[in-house]
Amino acid sequence: MSQQDTAVSRITTGMPVVDSTGAGIGTVDLVQRADPNAVTVQAPTADPGGSLDELIESTAAEEPDVPADLAARLLHGGYLKVSTDLVPTGAVYVPADRIAAVHADVRLDVPFSALPVEE
């Protein structure tokens, strides 16, 4: 398991998210682990796994809601969806490789302005 996977596995929904400037930007709404086999943004057709949460995640409405090339990168590498009042659509995405640390909150290594906004 990579360091990013370890960090992502410790994140839960509702955790506060802080960008590289120390500013609070919102709370975790969705945690999506890396899927090295992800090539499209379509829902998987194979059995998504045993848990109800995994089934709900696999059938959720077209996440991540960003352009297809970015969506493929996010699905491949893992990401967080962060609810925030700082953008009109109410959410931004954090690629897993932008997570600097996970403690009582999630700390990022980039400023808020560098994060892709939900469409």
N, C-alpha and C. Protein backbone atom coordinates (compact mmCIF):
# COMPACT_ATOMS: atom_id res chain seq x y z
N MET A 1 0.86 -1.18 0.00
CA MET A 1 0.00 0.00 0.00
C MET A 1 0.90 1.24 0.00
N SER A 2 0.64 2.15 -0.89
CA SER A 2 1.47 3.34 -0.99
C SER A 2 1.17 4.30 0.16
N GLN A 3 2.04 5.27 0.34
CA GLN A 3 1.83 6.28 1.38
C GLN A 3 0.52 7.02 1.15
N GLN A 4 0.20 7.31 -0.13
CA GLN A 4 -1.07 8.00 -0.45
C GLN A 4 -2.25 7.14 -0.05
N ASP A 5 -2.18 5.83 -0.35
CA ASP A 5 -3.29 4.94 0.01
C ASP A 5 -3.47 4.90 1.52
N THR A 6 -2.34 4.88 2.25
CA THR A 6 -2.40 4.86 3.72
C THR A 6 -3.07 6.13 4.23
N ALA A 7 -2.69 7.29 3.68
CA ALA A 7 -3.30 8.55 4.10
C ALA A 7 -4.78 8.55 3.79
N VAL A 8 -5.15 8.16 2.58
CA VAL A 8 -6.56 8.16 2.18
C VAL A 8 -7.37 7.22 3.07
N SER A 9 -6.80 6.09 3.47
CA SER A 9 -7.53 5.12 4.28
C SER A 9 -7.86 5.66 5.68
N ARG A 10 -7.17 6.71 6.13
CA ARG A 10 -7.42 7.29 7.45
C ARG A 10 -8.39 8.46 7.39
N ILE A 11 -8.87 8.80 6.21
CA ILE A 11 -9.77 9.95 6.04
C ILE A 11 -11.22 9.47 6.08
N THR A 12 -12.04 10.22 6.80
CA THR A 12 -13.46 9.88 6.86
C THR A 12 -14.28 11.11 6.45
N THR A 13 -15.50 10.87 6.02
CA THR A 13 -16.36 11.98 5.63
C THR A 13 -16.60 12.87 6.85
N GLY A 14 -16.71 14.16 6.58
CA GLY A 14 -16.92 15.13 7.64
C GLY A 14 -15.65 15.73 8.21
N MET A 15 -14.48 15.16 7.88
CA MET A 15 -13.22 15.73 8.39
C MET A 15 -12.98 17.10 7.76
N PRO A 16 -12.45 18.05 8.54
CA PRO A 16 -12.11 19.35 7.98
C PRO A 16 -10.90 19.25 7.05
N VAL A 17 -10.87 20.11 6.03
CA VAL A 17 -9.77 20.13 5.06
C VAL A 17 -9.12 21.51 5.10
N VAL A 18 -7.77 21.51 5.17
CA VAL A 18 -7.00 22.74 5.28
C VAL A 18 -6.01 22.77 4.11
N ASP A 19 -5.96 23.90 3.38
CA ASP A 19 -5.04 23.97 2.24
C ASP A 19 -3.63 24.34 2.69
N SER A 20 -2.71 24.48 1.74
CA SER A 20 -1.30 24.71 2.07
C SER A 20 -1.04 26.06 2.72
N THR A 21 -2.01 26.98 2.63
CA THR A 21 -1.84 28.30 3.27
C THR A 21 -2.34 28.28 4.71
N GLY A 22 -2.94 27.15 5.13
CA GLY A 22 -3.49 27.04 6.47
C GLY A 22 -4.96 27.41 6.56
N ALA A 23 -5.55 27.75 5.41
CA ALA A 23 -6.96 28.14 5.38
C ALA A 23 -7.86 26.91 5.37
N GLY A 24 -8.90 26.94 6.20
CA GLY A 24 -9.91 25.89 6.16
C GLY A 24 -10.74 26.06 4.90
N ILE A 25 -10.89 24.99 4.12
CA ILE A 25 -11.62 25.14 2.86
C ILE A 25 -12.94 24.38 2.81
N GLY A 26 -13.17 23.47 3.75
CA GLY A 26 -14.42 22.74 3.76
C GLY A 26 -14.28 21.41 4.49
N THR A 27 -15.20 20.49 4.20
CA THR A 27 -15.18 19.18 4.84
C THR A 27 -15.24 18.08 3.78
N VAL A 28 -14.68 16.93 4.14
CA VAL A 28 -14.67 15.78 3.22
C VAL A 28 -16.09 15.28 3.03
N ASP A 29 -16.50 15.18 1.76
CA ASP A 29 -17.83 14.70 1.40
C ASP A 29 -17.76 13.27 0.86
N LEU A 30 -16.65 12.93 0.20
CA LEU A 30 -16.49 11.62 -0.43
C LEU A 30 -15.02 11.26 -0.44
N VAL A 31 -14.73 10.01 -0.10
CA VAL A 31 -13.36 9.49 -0.17
C VAL A 31 -13.34 8.39 -1.22
N GLN A 32 -12.49 8.56 -2.25
CA GLN A 32 -12.41 7.57 -3.32
C GLN A 32 -10.97 7.07 -3.39
N ARG A 33 -10.77 5.80 -3.07
CA ARG A 33 -9.43 5.22 -3.15
C ARG A 33 -8.99 5.07 -4.59
N ALA A 34 -7.68 4.98 -4.75
CA ALA A 34 -7.10 4.80 -6.08
C ALA A 34 -7.60 3.52 -6.72
N ASP A 35 -7.85 3.57 -8.02
CA ASP A 35 -8.21 2.40 -8.81
C ASP A 35 -7.31 2.37 -10.03
N PRO A 36 -6.18 1.63 -9.95
CA PRO A 36 -5.23 1.61 -11.06
C PRO A 36 -5.85 1.13 -12.37
N ASN A 37 -6.98 0.44 -12.29
CA ASN A 37 -7.63 -0.08 -13.50
C ASN A 37 -8.66 0.87 -14.08
N ALA A 38 -8.89 2.00 -13.44
CA ALA A 38 -9.89 2.96 -13.91
C ALA A 38 -9.41 3.59 -15.22
N VAL A 39 -10.25 3.50 -16.24
CA VAL A 39 -9.90 4.11 -17.53
C VAL A 39 -11.00 5.02 -18.03
N THR A 40 -12.21 4.90 -17.46
CA THR A 40 -13.32 5.73 -17.90
C THR A 40 -14.06 6.25 -16.68
N VAL A 41 -15.01 7.15 -16.91
CA VAL A 41 -15.82 7.66 -15.81
C VAL A 41 -17.15 6.92 -15.72
N GLN A 42 -17.31 5.85 -16.50
CA GLN A 42 -18.55 5.08 -16.43
C GLN A 42 -18.54 4.18 -15.20
N ALA A 43 -19.71 3.91 -14.68
CA ALA A 43 -19.82 3.02 -13.53
C ALA A 43 -19.33 1.62 -13.91
N PRO A 44 -18.65 0.95 -13.00
CA PRO A 44 -18.17 -0.39 -13.31
C PRO A 44 -19.33 -1.35 -13.53
N THR A 45 -19.12 -2.32 -14.40
CA THR A 45 -20.16 -3.30 -14.66
C THR A 45 -19.93 -4.57 -13.85
N ALA A 46 -18.70 -4.76 -13.35
CA ALA A 46 -18.39 -5.92 -12.53
C ALA A 46 -18.95 -5.73 -11.12
N ASP A 47 -18.96 -6.80 -10.34
CA ASP A 47 -19.40 -6.73 -8.96
C ASP A 47 -18.54 -5.71 -8.22
N PRO A 48 -19.13 -4.65 -7.68
CA PRO A 48 -18.35 -3.60 -7.04
C PRO A 48 -17.74 -4.02 -5.70
N GLY A 49 -18.17 -5.14 -5.14
CA GLY A 49 -17.65 -5.59 -3.86
C GLY A 49 -18.79 -5.95 -2.94
N GLY A 50 -18.44 -6.42 -1.77
CA GLY A 50 -19.44 -6.94 -0.86
C GLY A 50 -20.21 -5.92 -0.07
N SER A 51 -19.61 -4.76 0.22
CA SER A 51 -20.27 -3.86 1.15
C SER A 51 -21.29 -2.96 0.45
N LEU A 52 -22.28 -2.57 1.21
CA LEU A 52 -23.31 -1.67 0.70
C LEU A 52 -22.70 -0.33 0.32
N ASP A 53 -21.74 0.15 1.13
CA ASP A 53 -21.08 1.43 0.82
C ASP A 53 -20.40 1.37 -0.54
N GLU A 54 -19.72 0.25 -0.83
CA GLU A 54 -19.05 0.13 -2.13
C GLU A 54 -20.07 0.12 -3.26
N LEU A 55 -21.19 -0.54 -3.06
CA LEU A 55 -22.24 -0.59 -4.07
C LEU A 55 -22.80 0.81 -4.31
N ILE A 56 -23.06 1.55 -3.24
CA ILE A 56 -23.58 2.91 -3.37
C ILE A 56 -22.57 3.79 -4.10
N GLU A 57 -21.27 3.67 -3.73
CA GLU A 57 -20.23 4.46 -4.39
C GLU A 57 -20.18 4.17 -5.89
N SER A 58 -20.30 2.89 -6.25
CA SER A 58 -20.15 2.51 -7.66
C SER A 58 -21.32 2.98 -8.50
N THR A 59 -22.47 3.21 -7.88
CA THR A 59 -23.64 3.63 -8.64
C THR A 59 -23.97 5.11 -8.42
N ALA A 60 -23.13 5.80 -7.66
CA ALA A 60 -23.36 7.22 -7.40
C ALA A 60 -23.33 7.99 -8.72
N ALA A 61 -23.99 9.11 -8.74
CA ALA A 61 -24.12 9.90 -9.96
C ALA A 61 -22.77 10.42 -10.42
N GLU A 62 -22.21 9.80 -11.43
CA GLU A 62 -21.08 10.31 -12.20
C GLU A 62 -20.06 11.13 -11.41
N GLU A 63 -19.41 10.50 -10.46
CA GLU A 63 -18.32 11.17 -9.74
C GLU A 63 -17.01 10.71 -10.36
N PRO A 64 -16.04 11.55 -10.45
CA PRO A 64 -16.06 12.98 -10.15
C PRO A 64 -16.66 13.79 -11.30
N ASP A 65 -17.32 14.88 -10.99
CA ASP A 65 -17.99 15.71 -11.98
C ASP A 65 -17.03 16.79 -12.49
N VAL A 66 -16.08 16.32 -13.31
CA VAL A 66 -15.04 17.18 -13.92
C VAL A 66 -14.83 16.69 -15.34
N PRO A 67 -14.07 17.41 -16.16
CA PRO A 67 -13.82 16.92 -17.53
C PRO A 67 -13.23 15.50 -17.53
N ALA A 68 -13.54 14.74 -18.57
CA ALA A 68 -13.22 13.31 -18.63
C ALA A 68 -11.75 12.99 -18.39
N ASP A 69 -10.82 13.78 -18.95
CA ASP A 69 -9.41 13.45 -18.77
C ASP A 69 -9.00 13.62 -17.30
N LEU A 70 -9.50 14.67 -16.65
CA LEU A 70 -9.21 14.88 -15.23
C LEU A 70 -9.89 13.80 -14.39
N ALA A 71 -11.12 13.46 -14.75
CA ALA A 71 -11.86 12.42 -14.02
C ALA A 71 -11.08 11.11 -14.05
N ALA A 72 -10.54 10.74 -15.20
CA ALA A 72 -9.78 9.50 -15.31
C ALA A 72 -8.56 9.54 -14.39
N ARG A 73 -7.87 10.70 -14.35
CA ARG A 73 -6.69 10.82 -13.47
C ARG A 73 -7.10 10.71 -12.00
N LEU A 74 -8.21 11.35 -11.62
CA LEU A 74 -8.67 11.29 -10.23
C LEU A 74 -9.07 9.86 -9.85
N LEU A 75 -9.80 9.18 -10.73
CA LEU A 75 -10.21 7.81 -10.45
C LEU A 75 -9.00 6.88 -10.34
N HIS A 76 -8.04 7.10 -11.20
CA HIS A 76 -6.84 6.26 -11.22
C HIS A 76 -6.02 6.44 -9.94
N GLY A 77 -5.87 7.70 -9.50
CA GLY A 77 -5.00 8.00 -8.36
C GLY A 77 -5.69 8.12 -7.02
N GLY A 78 -7.02 8.17 -7.02
CA GLY A 78 -7.77 8.39 -5.79
C GLY A 78 -7.97 9.88 -5.56
N TYR A 79 -9.03 10.22 -4.84
CA TYR A 79 -9.32 11.64 -4.60
C TYR A 79 -10.29 11.81 -3.44
N LEU A 80 -10.40 13.05 -3.01
CA LEU A 80 -11.43 13.45 -2.05
C LEU A 80 -12.34 14.45 -2.74
N LYS A 81 -13.61 14.40 -2.41
CA LYS A 81 -14.54 15.46 -2.80
C LYS A 81 -14.78 16.26 -1.53
N VAL A 82 -14.54 17.57 -1.62
CA VAL A 82 -14.64 18.45 -0.45
C VAL A 82 -15.79 19.43 -0.63
N SER A 83 -16.74 19.40 0.30
CA SER A 83 -17.84 20.37 0.29
C SER A 83 -17.29 21.69 0.79
N THR A 84 -17.60 22.78 0.07
CA THR A 84 -17.07 24.09 0.43
C THR A 84 -18.04 25.18 0.01
N ASP A 85 -18.03 26.27 0.75
CA ASP A 85 -18.83 27.44 0.39
C ASP A 85 -18.04 28.39 -0.50
N LEU A 86 -16.80 28.03 -0.84
CA LEU A 86 -15.91 28.93 -1.56
C LEU A 86 -16.10 28.92 -3.08
N VAL A 87 -16.91 27.99 -3.59
CA VAL A 87 -17.18 27.93 -5.03
C VAL A 87 -18.69 27.79 -5.25
N PRO A 88 -19.19 28.28 -6.40
CA PRO A 88 -20.64 28.25 -6.66
C PRO A 88 -21.24 26.84 -6.68
N THR A 89 -20.49 25.83 -7.16
CA THR A 89 -21.05 24.47 -7.25
C THR A 89 -21.01 23.74 -5.91
N GLY A 90 -20.31 24.30 -4.92
CA GLY A 90 -20.32 23.72 -3.58
C GLY A 90 -19.32 22.62 -3.32
N ALA A 91 -18.43 22.32 -4.30
CA ALA A 91 -17.47 21.24 -4.06
C ALA A 91 -16.23 21.40 -4.93
N VAL A 92 -15.11 20.92 -4.39
CA VAL A 92 -13.85 20.82 -5.13
C VAL A 92 -13.34 19.40 -4.95
N TYR A 93 -12.41 19.01 -5.81
CA TYR A 93 -11.79 17.69 -5.73
C TYR A 93 -10.32 17.83 -5.35
N VAL A 94 -9.85 16.91 -4.53
CA VAL A 94 -8.46 16.89 -4.10
C VAL A 94 -7.83 15.58 -4.57
N PRO A 95 -6.91 15.63 -5.54
CA PRO A 95 -6.20 14.41 -5.92
C PRO A 95 -5.46 13.85 -4.70
N ALA A 96 -5.44 12.52 -4.55
CA ALA A 96 -4.81 11.90 -3.38
C ALA A 96 -3.35 12.33 -3.22
N ASP A 97 -2.66 12.59 -4.32
CA ASP A 97 -1.24 12.96 -4.21
C ASP A 97 -1.04 14.40 -3.73
N ARG A 98 -2.13 15.13 -3.47
CA ARG A 98 -2.03 16.48 -2.93
C ARG A 98 -2.29 16.50 -1.42
N ILE A 99 -2.51 15.33 -0.82
CA ILE A 99 -2.72 15.23 0.62
C ILE A 99 -1.36 15.17 1.30
N ALA A 100 -1.07 16.19 2.13
CA ALA A 100 0.23 16.26 2.79
C ALA A 100 0.24 15.47 4.10
N ALA A 101 -0.86 15.53 4.85
CA ALA A 101 -0.91 14.87 6.15
C ALA A 101 -2.37 14.66 6.56
N VAL A 102 -2.59 13.64 7.39
CA VAL A 102 -3.91 13.38 7.93
C VAL A 102 -3.77 13.24 9.44
N HIS A 103 -4.42 14.14 10.18
CA HIS A 103 -4.43 14.09 11.64
C HIS A 103 -5.89 14.21 12.04
N ALA A 104 -6.24 15.25 12.81
CA ALA A 104 -7.64 15.51 13.11
C ALA A 104 -8.30 16.17 11.91
N ASP A 105 -7.47 16.67 10.99
CA ASP A 105 -7.96 17.25 9.74
C ASP A 105 -7.10 16.72 8.59
N VAL A 106 -7.48 17.11 7.39
CA VAL A 106 -6.74 16.72 6.19
C VAL A 106 -5.98 17.95 5.73
N ARG A 107 -4.66 17.84 5.66
CA ARG A 107 -3.82 18.98 5.24
C ARG A 107 -3.33 18.73 3.82
N LEU A 108 -3.44 19.77 2.99
CA LEU A 108 -3.06 19.67 1.58
C LEU A 108 -1.73 20.35 1.35
N ASP A 109 -1.06 19.98 0.24
CA ASP A 109 0.21 20.62 -0.11
C ASP A 109 0.04 21.62 -1.25
N VAL A 110 -1.20 22.01 -1.52
CA VAL A 110 -1.49 23.02 -2.55
C VAL A 110 -2.52 24.00 -1.99
N PRO A 111 -2.54 25.24 -2.54
CA PRO A 111 -3.56 26.20 -2.13
C PRO A 111 -4.92 25.83 -2.73
N PHE A 112 -5.97 26.33 -2.12
CA PHE A 112 -7.33 26.08 -2.59
C PHE A 112 -7.49 26.37 -4.08
N SER A 113 -6.86 27.46 -4.54
CA SER A 113 -7.02 27.89 -5.94
C SER A 113 -6.51 26.86 -6.95
N ALA A 114 -5.69 25.89 -6.51
CA ALA A 114 -5.13 24.89 -7.42
C ALA A 114 -6.04 23.66 -7.56
N LEU A 115 -7.14 23.62 -6.82
CA LEU A 115 -8.01 22.44 -6.83
C LEU A 115 -9.08 22.53 -7.91
N PRO A 116 -9.35 21.40 -8.60
CA PRO A 116 -10.42 21.40 -9.61
C PRO A 116 -11.80 21.54 -8.95
N VAL A 117 -12.63 22.37 -9.56
CA VAL A 117 -13.97 22.66 -9.04
C VAL A 117 -14.98 21.73 -9.71
N GLU A 118 -15.95 21.26 -8.92
CA GLU A 118 -17.03 20.43 -9.47
C GLU A 118 -17.78 21.24 -10.51
N GLU A 119 -18.16 20.56 -11.61
CA GLU A 119 -18.87 21.26 -12.69
C GLU A 119 -20.37 21.32 -12.42
